[in-house]
Amino acid sequence: MSNEKQVEDVVEETVDTEVQQEETVEESGEESVEATLQVEATLQTEIDQLKQQLEEQENRYVRLQADFDNFRRRSRLDAEAAQKYRAQSLVADILPALDNFDRALQVNTEDENTKSVMKGVEMVYRQLVEALQKEGVEAIESVGKPFDPYEHQAVMQVEDEAYEPNTVVEELQKGYKLKDKIIRPAMVKVNQ
């Protein structure tokens, strides 16, 4: 009986060992599954972080590209404006001289010498006006036009039945514009 008992014990031990090995394998399997899940979770977290960083970098790149495009557009517009209005300060400095020519040409003369001098002054005046017109300077038409606060500076109001209300009656000083920009508004009398 002792052999049977020994055989039983050996079988029992073998079964116990196999059960323990199966439990160990199952525990190892569970541990390796848990370890694998943890690694996958960590990797997924890293992937999500990298995706977020990539998205932030792409957004930053798009904003920088838009800023650069805006800068180029502004620079181009500034250069075009500088080219378009390059003569503005020169024109503003010349306008008082042009006003003096206007006043000089309004003088009536009887003397032949004075008339010839006035003819020369008129020629210089015309050349000056032509040079300014080539640069895009033009006088603002005022008399008989409706009052426009962007083009006219009202210095007096009169009552004249020959004109409609809010109409320019007389121009006291010419106004000028360079292309589409007002250099100096015209000083005018306006009908009430």
Protein backbone atom coordinates (compact mmCIF):
# COMPACT_ATOMS: atom_id res chain seq x y z
CA MET A 1 0.00 0.00 0.00
CA SER A 2 2.74 2.18 0.53
CA ASN A 3 3.60 1.99 -3.15
CA GLU A 4 0.12 2.95 -4.03
CA LYS A 5 0.33 5.71 -1.55
CA GLN A 6 3.61 6.84 -3.01
CA VAL A 7 2.18 6.69 -6.50
CA GLU A 8 -0.82 8.65 -5.33
CA ASP A 9 1.42 11.18 -3.65
CA VAL A 10 3.56 11.49 -6.77
CA VAL A 11 0.46 11.84 -8.94
CA GLU A 12 -0.99 14.31 -6.52
CA GLU A 13 2.26 16.23 -6.46
CA THR A 14 2.45 16.17 -10.21
CA VAL A 15 -1.14 17.40 -10.48
CA ASP A 16 -0.46 20.09 -7.89
CA THR A 17 2.68 21.11 -9.74
CA GLU A 18 0.79 21.24 -13.02
CA VAL A 19 -2.00 23.26 -11.42
CA GLN A 20 0.57 25.61 -9.91
CA GLN A 21 2.29 25.91 -13.25
CA GLU A 22 -1.04 26.61 -14.96
CA GLU A 23 -1.86 29.22 -12.30
CA THR A 24 1.62 30.71 -12.73
CA VAL A 25 1.13 30.73 -16.50
CA GLU A 26 -2.30 32.29 -16.04
CA GLU A 27 -0.89 34.85 -13.60
CA SER A 28 2.04 35.46 -15.95
CA GLY A 29 -0.43 35.77 -18.83
CA GLU A 30 -2.54 38.18 -16.82
CA GLU A 31 0.56 40.11 -15.79
CA SER A 32 1.84 40.20 -19.35
CA VAL A 33 -1.62 41.29 -20.58
CA GLU A 34 -1.68 43.99 -17.89
CA ALA A 35 1.87 45.01 -18.79
CA THR A 36 0.96 45.07 -22.47
CA LEU A 37 -2.13 47.18 -21.74
CA GLN A 38 -0.05 49.60 -19.67
CA VAL A 39 2.53 49.91 -22.45
CA GLU A 40 -0.24 50.45 -25.00
CA ALA A 41 -1.87 53.08 -22.78
CA THR A 42 1.47 54.86 -22.34
CA LEU A 43 2.13 54.71 -26.07
CA GLN A 44 -1.36 56.03 -26.84
CA THR A 45 -0.82 58.91 -24.40
CA GLU A 46 2.47 59.74 -26.09
CA ILE A 47 0.82 59.53 -29.52
CA ASP A 48 -1.96 61.87 -28.38
CA GLN A 49 0.61 64.33 -26.98
CA LEU A 50 2.60 64.23 -30.20
CA LYS A 51 -0.56 64.74 -32.26
CA GLN A 52 -1.47 67.74 -30.10
CA GLN A 53 2.05 69.18 -30.45
CA LEU A 54 1.91 68.64 -34.21
CA GLU A 55 -1.47 70.36 -34.41
CA GLU A 56 -0.18 73.31 -32.36
CA GLN A 57 2.88 73.58 -34.60
CA GLU A 58 0.70 73.43 -37.73
CA ASN A 59 -1.58 76.16 -36.32
CA ARG A 60 1.45 78.26 -35.47
CA TYR A 61 2.84 77.74 -38.96
CA VAL A 62 -0.47 78.76 -40.54
CA ARG A 63 -0.64 81.91 -38.35
CA LEU A 64 2.96 82.80 -39.20
CA GLN A 65 2.26 82.29 -42.90
CA ALA A 66 -0.83 84.53 -42.65
CA ASP A 67 1.17 87.17 -40.75
CA PHE A 68 3.88 87.05 -43.39
CA ASP A 69 1.32 87.35 -46.21
CA ASN A 70 -0.26 90.34 -44.43
CA PHE A 71 3.17 91.90 -43.98
CA ARG A 72 3.97 91.46 -47.68
CA ARG A 73 0.60 92.94 -48.66
CA ARG A 74 1.04 95.91 -46.30
CA SER A 75 4.58 96.48 -47.56
CA ARG A 76 3.38 96.40 -51.16
CA LEU A 77 0.53 98.82 -50.39
CA ASP A 78 2.89 101.14 -48.51
CA ALA A 79 5.34 101.10 -51.42
CA GLU A 80 2.52 101.80 -53.89
CA ALA A 81 1.23 104.66 -51.72
CA ALA A 82 4.74 106.07 -51.36
CA GLN A 83 5.17 105.94 -55.14
CA LYS A 84 1.70 107.35 -55.78
CA TYR A 85 2.07 110.25 -53.34
CA ARG A 86 5.83 110.79 -53.59
CA ALA A 87 5.31 114.41 -54.71
CA GLN A 88 2.95 115.33 -51.87
CA SER A 89 5.41 117.33 -49.74
CA LEU A 90 6.84 119.08 -52.80
CA VAL A 91 3.34 119.99 -54.00
CA ALA A 92 2.39 121.29 -50.54
CA ASP A 93 5.51 123.49 -50.57
CA ILE A 94 4.82 124.80 -54.10
CA LEU A 95 1.15 125.70 -53.53
CA PRO A 96 1.85 129.07 -51.80
CA ALA A 97 4.00 130.09 -54.78
CA LEU A 98 1.20 129.03 -57.12
CA ASP A 99 -1.23 131.19 -55.08
CA ASN A 100 1.11 134.16 -55.46
CA PHE A 101 1.23 133.59 -59.23
CA ASP A 102 -2.60 133.59 -59.26
CA ARG A 103 -2.67 136.92 -57.39
CA ALA A 104 -0.03 138.42 -59.67
CA LEU A 105 -1.97 137.42 -62.77
CA GLN A 106 -5.09 139.16 -61.49
CA VAL A 107 -3.39 142.57 -61.56
CA ASN A 108 -4.53 144.83 -64.42
CA THR A 109 -1.72 146.61 -66.22
CA GLU A 110 -1.73 149.38 -68.77
CA ASP A 111 2.01 149.73 -69.36
CA GLU A 112 3.52 147.70 -72.25
CA ASN A 113 6.61 146.76 -70.23
CA THR A 114 4.47 145.50 -67.38
CA LYS A 115 2.27 143.58 -69.84
CA SER A 116 5.32 141.77 -71.24
CA VAL A 117 6.48 140.93 -67.70
CA MET A 118 2.98 139.65 -66.92
CA LYS A 119 3.09 137.53 -70.07
CA GLY A 120 6.33 135.95 -68.82
CA VAL A 121 4.80 135.39 -65.38
CA GLU A 122 1.79 133.75 -67.04
CA MET A 123 4.07 131.43 -69.05
CA VAL A 124 5.96 130.39 -65.89
CA TYR A 125 2.63 129.85 -64.12
CA ARG A 126 1.32 127.63 -66.94
CA GLN A 127 4.53 125.59 -67.00
CA LEU A 128 4.32 125.11 -63.26
CA VAL A 129 0.67 124.06 -63.46
CA GLU A 130 1.46 121.63 -66.32
CA ALA A 131 4.34 120.08 -64.35
CA LEU A 132 2.04 119.60 -61.37
CA GLN A 133 -0.67 118.10 -63.58
CA LYS A 134 1.84 115.54 -64.88
CA GLU A 135 2.35 114.46 -61.28
CA GLY A 136 -1.41 114.10 -60.82
CA VAL A 137 -2.15 117.42 -59.12
CA GLU A 138 -5.39 119.09 -60.07
CA ALA A 139 -7.35 122.06 -58.79
CA ILE A 140 -10.62 121.37 -56.99
CA GLU A 141 -13.58 122.86 -58.83
CA SER A 142 -15.68 124.76 -56.33
CA VAL A 143 -17.90 127.59 -57.60
CA GLY A 144 -21.47 126.41 -58.24
CA LYS A 145 -20.81 122.99 -56.72
CA PRO A 146 -22.49 121.65 -53.58
CA PHE A 147 -20.43 122.23 -50.45
CA ASP A 148 -18.31 119.17 -49.63
CA PRO A 149 -16.48 119.35 -46.27
CA TYR A 150 -13.75 117.05 -47.59
CA GLU A 151 -12.92 119.32 -50.52
CA HIS A 152 -14.01 122.73 -49.20
CA GLN A 153 -13.26 124.82 -46.16
CA ALA A 154 -16.13 127.24 -45.56
CA VAL A 155 -14.84 130.54 -44.20
CA MET A 156 -17.93 132.65 -44.91
CA GLN A 157 -21.64 132.27 -45.43
CA VAL A 158 -23.67 134.55 -47.64
CA GLU A 159 -27.24 134.80 -48.79
CA ASP A 160 -27.48 134.80 -52.56
CA GLU A 161 -30.73 133.92 -54.30
CA ALA A 162 -28.84 133.08 -57.51
CA TYR A 163 -27.48 129.92 -55.83
CA GLU A 164 -29.18 127.02 -54.11
CA PRO A 165 -28.65 126.54 -50.38
CA ASN A 166 -25.40 124.87 -49.34
CA THR A 167 -23.74 125.75 -52.66
CA VAL A 168 -20.29 127.30 -53.08
CA VAL A 169 -20.71 130.91 -54.18
CA GLU A 170 -17.10 132.09 -54.40
CA GLU A 171 -13.65 130.57 -54.14
CA LEU A 172 -11.27 132.60 -51.97
CA GLN A 173 -8.28 130.23 -52.32
CA LYS A 174 -7.93 127.29 -54.70
CA GLY A 175 -7.88 123.79 -53.33
CA TYR A 176 -5.75 121.01 -54.77
CA LYS A 177 -5.69 117.26 -54.74
CA LEU A 178 -2.96 114.82 -55.67
CA LYS A 179 -4.57 111.96 -57.56
CA ASP A 180 -7.37 111.05 -55.10
CA LYS A 181 -5.92 112.67 -51.95
CA ILE A 182 -6.80 116.19 -50.87
CA ILE A 183 -3.61 118.23 -50.40
CA ARG A 184 -5.39 121.44 -49.47
CA PRO A 185 -9.15 122.08 -49.36
CA ALA A 186 -10.48 125.13 -51.20
CA MET A 187 -11.41 128.14 -49.03
CA VAL A 188 -14.91 129.11 -50.07
CA LYS A 189 -17.99 131.22 -49.39
CA VAL A 190 -21.11 129.10 -49.06
CA ASN A 191 -24.72 130.09 -49.67
CA GLN A 192 -26.99 129.54 -46.67
